């Protein structure tokens, strides 16, 4: 189960880093990394489905993908974008 969760989390990272509007790297990863991310996501969800059953496996797999996919851009933008306080008082 750990392999499935790690594959799903790695797919989130690859999807984010290959996006043209990502803010973590100076240049996004090449577009073909999205295919690798998709294969990792499908593999992770398939492994979770085989281990936990269809309904629970899909539910867990998609939530393991969805939560980091929502949180990674928010966390990265918090540390990289201009709305963070830059000293001085307001």
Protein backbone atom coordinates (compact mmCIF):
# COMPACT_ATOMS: atom_id res chain seq x y z
CA UNK A 1 0.00 0.00 0.00
CA UNK A 2 2.93 2.31 0.67
CA UNK A 3 4.11 1.89 -2.93
CA UNK A 4 0.67 2.88 -4.22
CA UNK A 5 0.53 5.99 -2.06
CA UNK A 6 4.08 7.02 -3.00
CA UNK A 7 3.36 6.52 -6.71
CA UNK A 8 0.25 8.66 -6.40
CA UNK A 9 2.10 11.41 -4.53
CA UNK A 10 4.94 11.33 -7.06
CA UNK A 11 2.39 11.75 -9.85
CA UNK A 12 1.07 14.87 -8.11
CA UNK A 13 4.60 16.30 -7.99
CA UNK A 14 5.22 15.52 -11.66
CA UNK A 15 1.89 17.00 -12.73
CA UNK A 16 2.64 20.18 -10.80
CA UNK A 17 6.24 20.52 -11.99
CA UNK A 18 5.27 19.99 -15.63
CA UNK A 19 2.60 22.69 -15.54
CA UNK A 20 3.58 25.89 -17.34
CA UNK A 21 2.32 28.03 -14.45
CA UNK A 22 4.16 26.19 -11.69
CA UNK A 23 6.24 28.40 -9.40
CA UNK A 24 8.71 25.94 -7.92
CA UNK A 25 11.20 25.62 -10.79
CA UNK A 26 12.47 28.27 -13.17
CA UNK A 27 11.36 26.19 -16.17
CA UNK A 28 8.62 23.54 -16.13
CA UNK A 29 9.49 19.93 -16.81
CA UNK A 30 8.95 18.68 -20.38
CA UNK A 31 5.42 17.81 -21.44
CA UNK A 32 6.15 14.07 -21.69
CA UNK A 33 6.48 13.92 -17.90
CA UNK A 34 2.70 14.30 -17.75
CA UNK A 35 2.42 10.89 -19.41
CA UNK A 36 4.69 9.41 -16.74
CA UNK A 37 2.59 11.13 -14.05
CA UNK A 38 -0.60 9.75 -15.55
CA UNK A 39 0.83 6.23 -15.65
CA UNK A 40 1.98 6.54 -12.03
CA UNK A 41 -1.47 7.78 -11.00
CA UNK A 42 -3.26 4.95 -12.78
CA UNK A 43 -0.82 2.42 -11.32
CA UNK A 44 -1.21 3.78 -7.80
CA UNK A 45 -5.00 3.82 -7.97
CA UNK A 46 -5.00 0.34 -9.51
CA UNK A 47 -2.81 -1.00 -6.70
CA UNK A 48 -5.06 0.60 -4.08
CA UNK A 49 -8.12 -0.85 -5.82
CA UNK A 50 -6.58 -4.33 -5.81
CA UNK A 51 -5.67 -4.08 -2.13
CA UNK A 52 -8.76 -2.36 -0.74
CA UNK A 53 -11.53 -3.29 -3.15
CA UNK A 54 -13.02 -1.25 -5.95
CA UNK A 55 -15.08 1.36 -4.12
CA UNK A 56 -12.70 1.96 -1.21
CA UNK A 57 -9.62 1.78 -3.44
CA UNK A 58 -10.95 4.37 -5.88
CA UNK A 59 -12.08 6.62 -3.03
CA UNK A 60 -8.73 6.46 -1.24
CA UNK A 61 -6.70 6.70 -4.45
CA UNK A 62 -8.49 9.74 -5.74
CA UNK A 63 -8.34 11.51 -2.37
CA UNK A 64 -4.63 10.72 -2.04
CA UNK A 65 -4.26 12.45 -5.42
CA UNK A 66 -6.72 15.30 -4.86
CA UNK A 67 -5.57 16.63 -1.49
CA UNK A 68 -1.90 17.07 -2.42
CA UNK A 69 -2.93 18.40 -5.85
CA UNK A 70 -4.83 21.15 -4.04
CA UNK A 71 -2.28 21.78 -1.31
CA UNK A 72 1.00 21.79 -3.28
CA UNK A 73 0.17 24.91 -5.37
CA UNK A 74 -1.14 26.71 -2.30
CA UNK A 75 1.95 25.95 -0.23
CA UNK A 76 4.40 26.78 -3.02
CA UNK A 77 2.63 30.02 -3.88
CA UNK A 78 2.61 31.02 -0.22
CA UNK A 79 6.39 30.93 -0.16
CA UNK A 80 7.03 32.23 -3.69
CA UNK A 81 4.41 34.85 -4.53
CA UNK A 82 4.11 38.52 -3.73
CA UNK A 83 1.31 38.47 -1.18
CA UNK A 84 3.65 37.25 1.53
CA UNK A 85 4.66 40.06 3.90
CA UNK A 86 8.07 41.48 2.94
CA UNK A 87 8.95 43.48 6.02
CA UNK A 88 7.82 46.89 7.12
CA UNK A 89 4.55 47.61 8.82
CA UNK A 90 1.16 48.15 7.27
